[in-house]
């Protein structure tokens, strides 16, 4: 797990054995247990199913 986390900034996490990238436009995660803790980007969210969708044209960022 440490090797995976340390490789996130460079993309090397995809070279870790048993790590696989599956391109998607949306996903839904459904917990198998009835109790627990979930965070999204460090923010606590209600425990339960969570879904996300990629929206590539929603935001444009320009920097100088």
N, C-alpha and C. Protein backbone atom coordinates (compact mmCIF):
# COMPACT_ATOMS: atom_id res chain seq x y z
N UNK A 1 0.83 -1.19 0.00
CA UNK A 1 0.00 0.00 0.00
C UNK A 1 0.87 1.25 0.00
N UNK A 2 1.96 1.23 0.77
CA UNK A 2 2.85 2.39 0.82
C UNK A 2 3.45 2.67 -0.56
N UNK A 3 3.88 1.63 -1.25
CA UNK A 3 4.43 1.78 -2.59
C UNK A 3 3.39 2.41 -3.53
N UNK A 4 2.13 2.00 -3.40
CA UNK A 4 1.05 2.54 -4.22
C UNK A 4 0.87 4.03 -3.93
N UNK A 5 0.77 4.40 -2.66
CA UNK A 5 0.55 5.80 -2.28
C UNK A 5 1.70 6.71 -2.68
N UNK A 6 2.94 6.22 -2.53
CA UNK A 6 4.10 7.02 -2.90
C UNK A 6 4.20 7.22 -4.41
N UNK A 7 3.62 6.32 -5.19
CA UNK A 7 3.68 6.42 -6.64
C UNK A 7 2.58 7.27 -7.25
N UNK A 8 1.63 7.76 -6.46
CA UNK A 8 0.50 8.52 -7.01
C UNK A 8 0.94 9.78 -7.75
N UNK A 9 1.92 10.50 -7.23
CA UNK A 9 2.32 11.76 -7.85
C UNK A 9 3.02 11.58 -9.19
N UNK A 10 3.66 10.44 -9.39
CA UNK A 10 4.41 10.23 -10.64
C UNK A 10 3.72 9.27 -11.60
N UNK A 11 2.65 8.62 -11.16
CA UNK A 11 1.98 7.64 -12.00
C UNK A 11 2.53 6.24 -11.83
N UNK A 12 3.55 6.08 -10.99
CA UNK A 12 4.17 4.78 -10.77
C UNK A 12 3.24 3.83 -10.01
N UNK A 13 2.16 4.34 -9.44
CA UNK A 13 1.22 3.47 -8.71
C UNK A 13 0.59 2.44 -9.64
N UNK A 14 0.56 2.71 -10.94
CA UNK A 14 -0.01 1.74 -11.89
C UNK A 14 0.93 0.57 -12.15
N UNK A 15 2.18 0.68 -11.74
CA UNK A 15 3.16 -0.39 -11.92
C UNK A 15 3.19 -1.35 -10.74
N UNK A 16 2.46 -1.03 -9.67
CA UNK A 16 2.41 -1.88 -8.49
C UNK A 16 1.64 -3.16 -8.84
N UNK A 17 2.17 -4.34 -8.46
CA UNK A 17 1.45 -5.59 -8.76
C UNK A 17 0.01 -5.54 -8.22
N UNK A 18 -0.92 -6.05 -8.97
CA UNK A 18 -2.34 -6.14 -8.66
C UNK A 18 -3.06 -4.79 -8.73
N UNK A 19 -2.38 -3.72 -9.14
CA UNK A 19 -3.05 -2.44 -9.36
C UNK A 19 -3.45 -2.39 -10.83
N UNK A 20 -4.68 -2.02 -11.09
CA UNK A 20 -5.18 -1.99 -12.46
C UNK A 20 -5.98 -0.71 -12.68
N UNK A 21 -5.76 -0.06 -13.83
CA UNK A 21 -6.53 1.12 -14.17
C UNK A 21 -7.64 0.71 -15.14
N UNK A 22 -8.86 1.08 -14.80
CA UNK A 22 -10.01 0.79 -15.65
C UNK A 22 -10.66 2.12 -15.99
N UNK A 23 -10.49 2.60 -17.24
CA UNK A 23 -11.08 3.89 -17.61
C UNK A 23 -12.61 3.85 -17.52
N UNK A 24 -13.19 4.83 -16.85
CA UNK A 24 -14.65 4.92 -16.71
C UNK A 24 -15.07 6.37 -16.85
N UNK A 25 -16.35 6.59 -17.09
CA UNK A 25 -16.91 7.93 -17.10
C UNK A 25 -17.72 8.19 -15.82
N UNK A 26 -18.07 7.11 -15.11
CA UNK A 26 -18.81 7.23 -13.86
C UNK A 26 -18.60 5.94 -13.06
N UNK A 27 -18.81 6.03 -11.75
CA UNK A 27 -18.72 4.82 -10.92
C UNK A 27 -19.62 4.96 -9.71
N UNK A 28 -19.95 3.82 -9.09
CA UNK A 28 -20.75 3.77 -7.87
C UNK A 28 -20.12 2.74 -6.95
N UNK A 29 -19.83 3.13 -5.72
CA UNK A 29 -19.29 2.22 -4.71
C UNK A 29 -20.36 1.94 -3.68
N UNK A 30 -20.61 0.66 -3.43
CA UNK A 30 -21.63 0.26 -2.46
C UNK A 30 -20.94 -0.56 -1.37
N UNK A 31 -20.91 -0.05 -0.12
CA UNK A 31 -20.28 -0.79 0.97
C UNK A 31 -20.97 -2.13 1.21
N UNK A 32 -20.18 -3.14 1.55
CA UNK A 32 -20.73 -4.47 1.82
C UNK A 32 -21.22 -4.62 3.25
N UNK A 33 -20.78 -3.74 4.16
CA UNK A 33 -21.19 -3.84 5.56
C UNK A 33 -22.16 -2.70 5.90
N UNK A 34 -22.82 -2.82 7.03
CA UNK A 34 -23.84 -1.84 7.39
C UNK A 34 -23.30 -0.66 8.20
N UNK A 35 -22.06 -0.68 8.60
CA UNK A 35 -21.52 0.43 9.38
C UNK A 35 -20.07 0.66 9.05
N UNK A 36 -19.64 1.90 9.12
CA UNK A 36 -18.25 2.21 8.84
C UNK A 36 -18.03 3.69 8.69
N UNK A 37 -16.95 4.05 8.01
CA UNK A 37 -16.52 5.44 7.88
C UNK A 37 -16.03 5.65 6.46
N UNK A 38 -16.48 6.72 5.79
CA UNK A 38 -16.05 7.03 4.43
C UNK A 38 -15.63 8.49 4.39
N UNK A 39 -14.50 8.76 3.72
CA UNK A 39 -14.08 10.14 3.47
C UNK A 39 -13.85 10.32 1.98
N UNK A 40 -14.16 11.50 1.48
CA UNK A 40 -13.91 11.86 0.09
C UNK A 40 -13.06 13.13 0.13
N UNK A 41 -11.84 13.04 -0.37
CA UNK A 41 -10.89 14.17 -0.32
C UNK A 41 -10.74 14.71 1.09
N UNK A 42 -10.75 13.84 2.08
CA UNK A 42 -10.57 14.25 3.46
C UNK A 42 -11.82 14.74 4.16
N UNK A 43 -12.94 14.78 3.45
CA UNK A 43 -14.20 15.25 4.04
C UNK A 43 -15.08 14.04 4.39
N UNK A 44 -15.60 14.02 5.62
CA UNK A 44 -16.49 12.93 6.03
C UNK A 44 -17.79 13.00 5.23
N UNK A 45 -18.25 11.85 4.77
CA UNK A 45 -19.53 11.76 4.07
C UNK A 45 -20.35 10.66 4.73
N UNK A 46 -21.65 10.70 4.54
CA UNK A 46 -22.53 9.69 5.12
C UNK A 46 -22.11 8.30 4.62
N UNK A 47 -22.14 7.33 5.53
CA UNK A 47 -21.78 5.96 5.17
C UNK A 47 -22.89 5.35 4.34
N UNK A 48 -22.57 4.90 3.17
CA UNK A 48 -23.54 4.30 2.26
C UNK A 48 -23.02 4.36 0.84
N UNK A 49 -23.87 4.02 -0.12
CA UNK A 49 -23.44 4.06 -1.51
C UNK A 49 -22.99 5.47 -1.90
N UNK A 50 -21.95 5.54 -2.71
CA UNK A 50 -21.43 6.82 -3.19
C UNK A 50 -21.12 6.68 -4.67
N UNK A 51 -21.44 7.71 -5.43
CA UNK A 51 -21.18 7.65 -6.86
C UNK A 51 -20.59 8.95 -7.35
N UNK A 52 -19.89 8.88 -8.48
CA UNK A 52 -19.25 10.05 -9.07
C UNK A 52 -19.29 9.93 -10.58
N UNK A 53 -19.25 11.08 -11.23
CA UNK A 53 -19.28 11.12 -12.69
C UNK A 53 -18.24 12.12 -13.17
N UNK A 54 -17.53 11.77 -14.23
CA UNK A 54 -16.54 12.67 -14.81
C UNK A 54 -17.28 13.69 -15.67
N UNK A 55 -16.93 14.96 -15.48
CA UNK A 55 -17.55 16.04 -16.26
C UNK A 55 -16.42 16.90 -16.82
N UNK A 56 -15.78 16.46 -17.91
CA UNK A 56 -14.56 17.11 -18.39
C UNK A 56 -14.73 18.55 -18.85
N UNK A 57 -15.88 18.97 -19.32
CA UNK A 57 -16.02 20.34 -19.81
C UNK A 57 -16.68 21.27 -18.78
N UNK A 58 -16.80 20.82 -17.52
CA UNK A 58 -17.46 21.61 -16.51
C UNK A 58 -16.62 22.79 -16.03
N UNK A 59 -15.30 22.60 -15.93
CA UNK A 59 -14.42 23.64 -15.41
C UNK A 59 -13.21 23.80 -16.32
N UNK A 60 -12.86 25.04 -16.59
CA UNK A 60 -11.62 25.34 -17.30
C UNK A 60 -10.78 26.21 -16.39
N UNK A 61 -9.50 25.87 -16.25
CA UNK A 61 -8.60 26.62 -15.39
C UNK A 61 -7.46 27.18 -16.25
N UNK A 62 -7.23 28.46 -16.11
CA UNK A 62 -6.12 29.10 -16.81
C UNK A 62 -5.22 29.74 -15.78
N UNK A 63 -3.91 29.64 -15.98
CA UNK A 63 -2.96 30.19 -15.02
C UNK A 63 -1.79 30.82 -15.76
N UNK A 64 -1.24 31.87 -15.19
CA UNK A 64 -0.07 32.53 -15.81
C UNK A 64 1.06 32.55 -14.83
